[in-house]
Protein backbone atom coordinates (compact mmCIF):
# COMPACT_ATOMS: atom_id res chain seq x y z
CA UNK A 1 -2.92 4.64 11.42
CA UNK A 2 -6.56 5.46 9.14
CA UNK A 3 -5.77 3.84 6.44
CA UNK A 4 -8.42 4.68 3.13
CA UNK A 5 -9.30 2.35 0.32
CA UNK A 6 -9.95 2.93 -2.94
CA UNK A 7 -11.18 0.23 -5.92
CA UNK A 8 -11.18 1.94 -9.77
CA UNK A 9 -14.60 0.21 -11.88
CA UNK A 10 -14.96 -2.21 -9.55
CA UNK A 11 -16.67 -3.78 -5.62
CA UNK A 12 -13.92 -3.99 -2.81
CA UNK A 13 -14.83 -7.67 -0.70
CA UNK A 14 -14.61 -6.95 2.99
CA UNK A 15 -12.23 -9.64 3.18
CA UNK A 16 -9.71 -7.52 1.01
CA UNK A 17 -10.32 -4.58 2.84
CA UNK A 18 -9.19 -7.52 6.07
CA UNK A 19 -6.29 -8.09 4.41
CA UNK A 20 -4.97 -4.41 3.37
CA UNK A 21 -5.36 -3.64 7.27
CA UNK A 22 -3.99 -6.13 8.33
CA UNK A 23 -0.87 -6.15 6.15
CA UNK A 24 -0.83 -2.08 6.28
CA UNK A 25 -1.39 -2.47 10.45
CA UNK A 26 2.95 -3.54 10.07
CA UNK A 27 4.17 -1.08 8.64
CA UNK A 28 2.77 1.17 11.93
CA UNK A 29 5.10 -1.17 13.77
CA UNK A 30 7.73 0.08 11.54
CA UNK A 31 6.92 4.28 12.17
CA UNK A 32 4.99 4.88 14.95
CA UNK A 33 3.82 9.06 13.39
CA UNK A 34 2.42 7.70 10.04
CA UNK A 35 -0.79 10.33 9.26
CA UNK A 36 -2.38 7.67 7.11
CA UNK A 37 -2.14 5.87 4.22
CA UNK A 38 -4.10 5.36 1.00
CA UNK A 39 -5.23 2.61 -0.95
CA UNK A 40 -5.99 2.33 -4.92
CA UNK A 41 -6.57 -0.93 -6.38
CA UNK A 42 -7.26 -1.29 -10.16
CA UNK A 43 -7.55 -3.48 -12.24
CA UNK A 44 -4.97 -3.04 -15.91
CA UNK A 45 -6.10 -5.00 -19.17
CA UNK A 46 -2.37 -5.90 -20.27
CA UNK A 47 -3.83 -8.22 -23.34
CA UNK A 48 -4.84 -11.94 -22.56
CA UNK A 49 -4.43 -10.49 -18.99
CA UNK A 50 -6.38 -8.49 -16.38
CA UNK A 51 -3.36 -7.41 -14.06
CA UNK A 52 -3.86 -6.30 -10.39
CA UNK A 53 -2.45 -3.04 -9.05
CA UNK A 54 -1.99 -1.21 -6.23
CA UNK A 55 -0.86 1.28 -5.31
CA UNK A 56 -0.23 2.68 -1.86
CA UNK A 57 1.25 6.51 -0.36
CA UNK A 58 1.83 6.38 2.77
CA UNK A 59 1.23 9.75 4.55
CA UNK A 60 4.64 10.78 7.07
CA UNK A 61 5.89 13.61 8.51
CA UNK A 62 6.38 15.95 5.81
CA UNK A 63 6.36 13.46 3.11
CA UNK A 64 3.89 11.05 0.77
CA UNK A 65 5.82 7.22 0.37
CA UNK A 66 4.60 5.98 -2.36
CA UNK A 67 4.47 2.69 -4.17
CA UNK A 68 2.91 0.51 -6.60
CA UNK A 69 3.21 -2.90 -7.76
CA UNK A 70 0.98 -5.05 -10.53
CA UNK A 71 0.94 -8.57 -9.90
CA UNK A 72 -1.80 -11.58 -10.86
CA UNK A 73 -3.71 -10.83 -7.43
CA UNK A 74 -4.09 -7.93 -5.18
CA UNK A 75 -3.14 -9.91 -2.49
CA UNK A 76 -0.20 -10.61 -3.65
CA UNK A 77 0.44 -6.92 -5.56
CA UNK A 78 -0.16 -5.74 -2.27
CA UNK A 79 1.94 -7.71 -0.12
CA UNK A 80 4.69 -6.67 -2.45
CA UNK A 81 3.87 -3.09 -1.91
CA UNK A 82 3.97 -2.96 1.68
CA UNK A 83 7.45 -4.88 1.22
CA UNK A 84 7.99 -1.63 -0.18
CA UNK A 85 7.40 0.52 1.93
CA UNK A 86 8.98 -0.54 4.94
CA UNK A 87 12.15 -0.67 3.03
CA UNK A 88 11.02 2.98 2.38
CA UNK A 89 10.20 4.63 6.31
CA UNK A 90 13.58 2.72 7.25
CA UNK A 91 15.32 4.95 4.64
CA UNK A 92 13.59 7.48 5.68
CA UNK A 93 14.01 7.02 9.47
CA UNK A 94 17.65 6.70 8.92
CA UNK A 95 17.36 10.61 6.87
CA UNK A 96 15.55 11.89 9.79
CA UNK A 97 17.53 11.02 12.47
CA UNK A 98 20.85 11.60 10.70
């Protein structure tokens, strides 16, 4: 699976990129027909705290699965988004087989 990562208004370090690739490769084990994944990382100012937003889109045949999560760190946000996408993929597979 090809993973595109985009950071809005900041530079992503290679450690975070590796983390994202590793997490998304686990989704690949659930479903082998994933076309690609697009990850958008954003910083959002909500008062005193800058929340980190991770939006992950996975393209599968005929559909795009999306998870958008905000957290204190990008790692936590990506992890939660991947968990959400795993559930979505399972539902998608059930819908395809019926």
